[in-house]
């Protein structure tokens, strides 16, 4: 065994090569493939994040351009009630309350600009926004609506109320009130 013939050396080398090749295909290549797949998944996620960030950046730049354009106009957006989220939410609350009591509600009288509002009779910088509501529906549901207005999360002051009969089962309730908005 001390002297291997060339033929035996070739056979041992070929067998070692086969064992090494089998180990590579059966063990090492699947490990490397898994690592490559993880790297590809990470790159795909990075591409998705890049696209999302680019879209957000484009939206931000467009918003800045829109604000610059609005700043140059004579009517500033802060002059309008629709800019005031609190007022919009208060109106939505009243609409939701009417829907809860199965009443048809129409809102009137909310118009103008914040600068033109009359000041509230308080020491704070509040302004009064007068509005009117007309409710149509069942009398008891209308009473429940009015009672619920006493427990709202915002202050509203009812200044006038009238109830009329729409038909045998329904009434028409008209009320005047005020929202309060910080100037």
C-alpha atoms as a PDB file:
ATOM      1  CA  UNK A   1       0.000   0.000   0.000  1.00  0.00           C
ATOM      2  CA  UNK A   2       2.980   2.229   0.224  1.00  0.00           C
ATOM      3  CA  UNK A   3       3.229   2.532  -3.482  1.00  0.00           C
ATOM      4  CA  UNK A   4       0.090   3.509  -5.215  1.00  0.00           C
ATOM      5  CA  UNK A   5       0.011   3.070  -8.842  1.00  0.00           C
ATOM      6  CA  UNK A   6      -0.993   5.935 -11.060  1.00  0.00           C
ATOM      7  CA  UNK A   7      -4.225   4.136 -11.765  1.00  0.00           C
ATOM      8  CA  UNK A   8      -5.040   3.910  -8.046  1.00  0.00           C
ATOM      9  CA  UNK A   9      -4.093   7.539  -7.504  1.00  0.00           C
ATOM     10  CA  UNK A  10      -6.466   8.565 -10.273  1.00  0.00           C
ATOM     11  CA  UNK A  11      -9.221   6.358  -8.822  1.00  0.00           C
ATOM     12  CA  UNK A  12      -8.740   7.761  -5.289  1.00  0.00           C
ATOM     13  CA  UNK A  13      -8.649  11.295  -6.655  1.00  0.00           C
ATOM     14  CA  UNK A  14     -11.797  10.664  -8.722  1.00  0.00           C
ATOM     15  CA  UNK A  15     -13.551   9.132  -5.671  1.00  0.00           C
ATOM     16  CA  UNK A  16     -12.539  12.106  -3.505  1.00  0.00           C
ATOM     17  CA  UNK A  17     -13.766  14.421  -6.255  1.00  0.00           C
ATOM     18  CA  UNK A  18     -17.113  12.590  -6.396  1.00  0.00           C
ATOM     19  CA  UNK A  19     -17.497  12.716  -2.613  1.00  0.00           C
ATOM     20  CA  UNK A  20     -16.627  16.416  -2.584  1.00  0.00           C
ATOM     21  CA  UNK A  21     -19.018  17.089  -5.483  1.00  0.00           C
ATOM     22  CA  UNK A  22     -21.821  15.137  -3.795  1.00  0.00           C
ATOM     23  CA  UNK A  23     -21.236  17.027  -0.539  1.00  0.00           C
ATOM     24  CA  UNK A  24     -21.369  20.331  -2.427  1.00  0.00           C
ATOM     25  CA  UNK A  25     -24.616  19.466  -4.262  1.00  0.00           C
ATOM     26  CA  UNK A  26     -26.328  17.804  -1.324  1.00  0.00           C
ATOM     27  CA  UNK A  27     -25.221  20.055   1.524  1.00  0.00           C
ATOM     28  CA  UNK A  28     -23.355  23.253   0.679  1.00  0.00           C
ATOM     29  CA  UNK A  29     -25.272  24.387  -2.457  1.00  0.00           C
ATOM     30  CA  UNK A  30     -28.691  24.218  -0.704  1.00  0.00           C
ATOM     31  CA  UNK A  31     -27.261  26.328   2.149  1.00  0.00           C
ATOM     32  CA  UNK A  32     -25.873  28.861  -0.312  1.00  0.00           C
ATOM     33  CA  UNK A  33     -29.163  28.809  -2.260  1.00  0.00           C
ATOM     34  CA  UNK A  34     -31.097  29.582   0.935  1.00  0.00           C
ATOM     35  CA  UNK A  35     -28.766  32.475   1.692  1.00  0.00           C
ATOM     36  CA  UNK A  36     -29.100  33.756  -1.877  1.00  0.00           C
ATOM     37  CA  UNK A  37     -32.896  33.519  -1.636  1.00  0.00           C
ATOM     38  CA  UNK A  38     -32.871  35.430   1.657  1.00  0.00           C
ATOM     39  CA  UNK A  39     -30.686  38.112   0.048  1.00  0.00           C
ATOM     40  CA  UNK A  40     -33.060  38.315  -2.948  1.00  0.00           C
ATOM     41  CA  UNK A  41     -36.076  38.593  -0.616  1.00  0.00           C
ATOM     42  CA  UNK A  42     -34.325  41.380   1.282  1.00  0.00           C
ATOM     43  CA  UNK A  43     -33.519  43.187  -1.965  1.00  0.00           C
ATOM     44  CA  UNK A  44     -37.164  42.861  -3.119  1.00  0.00           C
ATOM     45  CA  UNK A  45     -38.377  44.300   0.201  1.00  0.00           C
ATOM     46  CA  UNK A  46     -35.844  47.116  -0.103  1.00  0.00           C
ATOM     47  CA  UNK A  47     -37.154  47.862  -3.623  1.00  0.00           C
ATOM     48  CA  UNK A  48     -40.740  47.981  -2.285  1.00  0.00           C
ATOM     49  CA  UNK A  49     -39.646  50.325   0.509  1.00  0.00           C
ATOM     50  CA  UNK A  50     -37.799  52.508  -2.007  1.00  0.00           C
ATOM     51  CA  UNK A  51     -40.893  52.783  -4.224  1.00  0.00           C
ATOM     52  CA  UNK A  52     -43.026  53.650  -1.180  1.00  0.00           C
ATOM     53  CA  UNK A  53     -40.548  56.277   0.015  1.00  0.00           C
ATOM     54  CA  UNK A  54     -40.325  57.779  -3.466  1.00  0.00           C
ATOM     55  CA  UNK A  55     -44.144  58.007  -3.620  1.00  0.00           C
ATOM     56  CA  UNK A  56     -44.253  59.645  -0.186  1.00  0.00           C
ATOM     57  CA  UNK A  57     -41.510  62.068  -1.194  1.00  0.00           C
ATOM     58  CA  UNK A  58     -43.386  62.957  -4.393  1.00  0.00           C
ATOM     59  CA  UNK A  59     -46.602  63.473  -2.409  1.00  0.00           C
ATOM     60  CA  UNK A  60     -44.790  65.650   0.140  1.00  0.00           C
ATOM     61  CA  UNK A  61     -43.232  67.786  -2.587  1.00  0.00           C
ATOM     62  CA  UNK A  62     -46.617  68.134  -4.292  1.00  0.00           C
ATOM     63  CA  UNK A  63     -48.199  69.187  -0.981  1.00  0.00           C
ATOM     64  CA  UNK A  64     -45.480  71.799  -0.498  1.00  0.00           C
ATOM     65  CA  UNK A  65     -46.079  73.125  -4.015  1.00  0.00           C
ATOM     66  CA  UNK A  66     -49.845  73.241  -3.360  1.00  0.00           C
ATOM     67  CA  UNK A  67     -49.293  75.167  -0.125  1.00  0.00           C
ATOM     68  CA  UNK A  68     -47.024  77.665  -1.893  1.00  0.00           C
ATOM     69  CA  UNK A  69     -49.696  78.101  -4.572  1.00  0.00           C
ATOM     70  CA  UNK A  70     -52.436  78.608  -1.989  1.00  0.00           C
ATOM     71  CA  UNK A  71     -50.304  81.093  -0.053  1.00  0.00           C
ATOM     72  CA  UNK A  72     -50.104  83.265  -3.156  1.00  0.00           C
ATOM     73  CA  UNK A  73     -53.910  83.421  -3.559  1.00  0.00           C
ATOM     74  CA  UNK A  74     -56.042  86.157  -2.036  1.00  0.00           C
ATOM     75  CA  UNK A  75     -58.404  83.794  -0.158  1.00  0.00           C
ATOM     76  CA  UNK A  76     -56.404  81.855   2.358  1.00  0.00           C
ATOM     77  CA  UNK A  77     -57.689  78.391   3.348  1.00  0.00           C
ATOM     78  CA  UNK A  78     -57.596  79.246   7.065  1.00  0.00           C
ATOM     79  CA  UNK A  79     -60.368  81.776   6.385  1.00  0.00           C
ATOM     80  CA  UNK A  80     -62.931  79.092   5.616  1.00  0.00           C
ATOM     81  CA  UNK A  81     -64.952  76.933   8.016  1.00  0.00           C
ATOM     82  CA  UNK A  82     -64.228  73.784   6.011  1.00  0.00           C
ATOM     83  CA  UNK A  83     -60.599  74.058   7.173  1.00  0.00           C
ATOM     84  CA  UNK A  84     -61.676  73.747  10.802  1.00  0.00           C
ATOM     85  CA  UNK A  85     -61.701  70.034  11.579  1.00  0.00           C
ATOM     86  CA  UNK A  86     -63.477  70.571  14.910  1.00  0.00           C
ATOM     87  CA  UNK A  87     -66.480  72.207  13.206  1.00  0.00           C
ATOM     88  CA  UNK A  88     -66.636  69.510  10.539  1.00  0.00           C
ATOM     89  CA  UNK A  89     -66.531  66.815  13.228  1.00  0.00           C
ATOM     90  CA  UNK A  90     -69.270  68.570  15.212  1.00  0.00           C
ATOM     91  CA  UNK A  91     -71.504  68.623  12.146  1.00  0.00           C
ATOM     92  CA  UNK A  92     -70.751  64.936  11.521  1.00  0.00           C
ATOM     93  CA  UNK A  93     -71.658  64.202  15.150  1.00  0.00           C
ATOM     94  CA  UNK A  94     -75.030  65.894  14.730  1.00  0.00           C
ATOM     95  CA  UNK A  95     -75.652  63.993  11.488  1.00  0.00           C
ATOM     96  CA  UNK A  96     -74.743  60.715  13.224  1.00  0.00           C
ATOM     97  CA  UNK A  97     -77.076  61.555  16.107  1.00  0.00           C
ATOM     98  CA  UNK A  98     -79.938  62.184  13.673  1.00  0.00           C
ATOM     99  CA  UNK A  99     -79.231  58.879  11.931  1.00  0.00           C
ATOM    100  CA  UNK A 100     -79.145  57.096  15.303  1.00  0.00           C
ATOM    101  CA  UNK A 101     -82.677  58.340  16.069  1.00  0.00           C
ATOM    102  CA  UNK A 102     -83.897  57.682  12.518  1.00  0.00           C
ATOM    103  CA  UNK A 103     -84.533  61.373  11.849  1.00  0.00           C
ATOM    104  CA  UNK A 104     -84.089  63.279   8.614  1.00  0.00           C
ATOM    105  CA  UNK A 105     -81.875  66.263   9.359  1.00  0.00           C
ATOM    106  CA  UNK A 106     -81.009  69.320   7.321  1.00  0.00           C
ATOM    107  CA  UNK A 107     -78.453  71.878   8.455  1.00  0.00           C
ATOM    108  CA  UNK A 108     -78.562  75.533   7.432  1.00  0.00           C
ATOM    109  CA  UNK A 109     -76.946  78.846   8.258  1.00  0.00           C
ATOM    110  CA  UNK A 110     -73.267  77.820   8.438  1.00  0.00           C
ATOM    111  CA  UNK A 111     -71.518  80.179   6.045  1.00  0.00           C
ATOM    112  CA  UNK A 112     -68.933  82.932   5.917  1.00  0.00           C
ATOM    113  CA  UNK A 113     -65.386  83.186   7.116  1.00  0.00           C
ATOM    114  CA  UNK A 114     -63.737  82.927  10.502  1.00  0.00           C
ATOM    115  CA  UNK A 115     -62.822  86.619  10.423  1.00  0.00           C
ATOM    116  CA  UNK A 116     -66.451  87.699   9.905  1.00  0.00           C
ATOM    117  CA  UNK A 117     -67.823  85.743  12.872  1.00  0.00           C
ATOM    118  CA  UNK A 118     -69.300  87.634  15.805  1.00  0.00           C
ATOM    119  CA  UNK A 119     -67.295  87.149  18.992  1.00  0.00           C
ATOM    120  CA  UNK A 120     -68.846  85.045  21.738  1.00  0.00           C
ATOM    121  CA  UNK A 121     -69.699  86.852  24.944  1.00  0.00           C
ATOM    122  CA  UNK A 122     -66.749  85.323  26.786  1.00  0.00           C
ATOM    123  CA  UNK A 123     -63.261  86.426  27.761  1.00  0.00           C
ATOM    124  CA  UNK A 124     -61.771  83.773  25.465  1.00  0.00           C
ATOM    125  CA  UNK A 125     -61.050  84.167  21.747  1.00  0.00           C
ATOM    126  CA  UNK A 126     -64.175  82.211  20.772  1.00  0.00           C
ATOM    127  CA  UNK A 127     -66.543  83.116  17.984  1.00  0.00           C
ATOM    128  CA  UNK A 128     -70.160  82.056  17.534  1.00  0.00           C
ATOM    129  CA  UNK A 129     -71.284  80.254  14.422  1.00  0.00           C
ATOM    130  CA  UNK A 130     -75.072  80.352  14.247  1.00  0.00           C
ATOM    131  CA  UNK A 131     -76.793  77.415  12.567  1.00  0.00           C
ATOM    132  CA  UNK A 132     -80.221  75.952  12.122  1.00  0.00           C
ATOM    133  CA  UNK A 133     -81.372  72.339  12.123  1.00  0.00           C
ATOM    134  CA  UNK A 134     -84.635  70.990  10.788  1.00  0.00           C
ATOM    135  CA  UNK A 135     -85.560  67.474  11.910  1.00  0.00           C
ATOM    136  CA  UNK A 136     -88.339  65.349  10.433  1.00  0.00           C
ATOM    137  CA  UNK A 137     -89.462  62.149  12.113  1.00  0.00           C
ATOM    138  CA  UNK A 138     -91.096  60.644  15.170  1.00  0.00           C
ATOM    139  CA  UNK A 139     -91.823  63.060  18.035  1.00  0.00           C
ATOM    140  CA  UNK A 140     -90.199  60.908  20.721  1.00  0.00           C
ATOM    141  CA  UNK A 141     -87.088  60.344  18.607  1.00  0.00           C
ATOM    142  CA  UNK A 142     -86.851  64.124  18.082  1.00  0.00           C
ATOM    143  CA  UNK A 143     -87.092  64.644  21.850  1.00  0.00           C
ATOM    144  CA  UNK A 144     -84.320  62.050  22.315  1.00  0.00           C
ATOM    145  CA  UNK A 145     -82.183  63.948  19.768  1.00  0.00           C
ATOM    146  CA  UNK A 146     -82.641  67.240  21.648  1.00  0.00           C
ATOM    147  CA  UNK A 147     -81.884  65.601  24.995  1.00  0.00           C
ATOM    148  CA  UNK A 148     -78.759  63.990  23.511  1.00  0.00           C
ATOM    149  CA  UNK A 149     -77.534  67.420  22.407  1.00  0.00           C
ATOM    150  CA  UNK A 150     -77.148  68.277  26.102  1.00  0.00           C
ATOM    151  CA  UNK A 151     -74.490  65.559  26.485  1.00  0.00           C
ATOM    152  CA  UNK A 152     -72.353  66.150  23.411  1.00  0.00           C
ATOM    153  CA  UNK A 153     -68.563  66.345  23.603  1.00  0.00           C
ATOM    154  CA  UNK A 154     -68.696  69.948  22.338  1.00  0.00           C
ATOM    155  CA  UNK A 155     -70.611  73.005  23.446  1.00  0.00           C
ATOM    156  CA  UNK A 156     -73.658  74.057  21.443  1.00  0.00           C
ATOM    157  CA  UNK A 157     -76.219  76.552  22.645  1.00  0.00           C
ATOM    158  CA  UNK A 158     -79.832  76.179  21.507  1.00  0.00           C
ATOM    159  CA  UNK A 159     -81.312  79.654  21.065  1.00  0.00           C
ATOM    160  CA  UNK A 160     -84.683  78.783  19.546  1.00  0.00           C
ATOM    161  CA  UNK A 161     -86.930  75.765  19.117  1.00  0.00           C
ATOM    162  CA  UNK A 162     -90.218  75.139  17.352  1.00  0.00           C
ATOM    163  CA  UNK A 163     -92.171  71.941  16.803  1.00  0.00           C
ATOM    164  CA  UNK A 164     -94.835  71.475  14.162  1.00  0.00           C
ATOM    165  CA  UNK A 165     -96.837  68.521  12.930  1.00  0.00           C
ATOM    166  CA  UNK A 166     -95.751  67.179   9.578  1.00  0.00           C
ATOM    167  CA  UNK A 167     -98.428  64.465   9.486  1.00  0.00           C
ATOM    168  CA  UNK A 168    -100.143  62.077  11.916  1.00  0.00           C
ATOM    169  CA  UNK A 169     -96.985  60.184  12.890  1.00  0.00           C
ATOM    170  CA  UNK A 170     -94.207  62.692  12.229  1.00  0.00           C
ATOM    171  CA  UNK A 171     -93.218  66.124  13.450  1.00  0.00           C
ATOM    172  CA  UNK A 172     -90.971  68.850  12.096  1.00  0.00           C
ATOM    173  CA  UNK A 173     -88.614  70.319  14.665  1.00  0.00           C
ATOM    174  CA  UNK A 174     -86.713  73.497  13.847  1.00  0.00           C
ATOM    175  CA  UNK A 175     -84.029  74.682  16.182  1.00  0.00           C
ATOM    176  CA  UNK A 176     -81.491  77.471  16.099  1.00  0.00           C
ATOM    177  CA  UNK A 177     -78.201  77.123  17.933  1.00  0.00           C
ATOM    178  CA  UNK A 178     -74.565  78.198  17.963  1.00  0.00           C
ATOM    179  CA  UNK A 179     -71.314  76.363  17.450  1.00  0.00           C
ATOM    180  CA  UNK A 180     -68.269  77.895  19.111  1.00  0.00           C
ATOM    181  CA  UNK A 181     -64.992  78.176  17.238  1.00  0.00           C
ATOM    182  CA  UNK A 182     -61.615  79.488  18.366  1.00  0.00           C
ATOM    183  CA  UNK A 183     -60.572  82.476  16.244  1.00  0.00           C
END
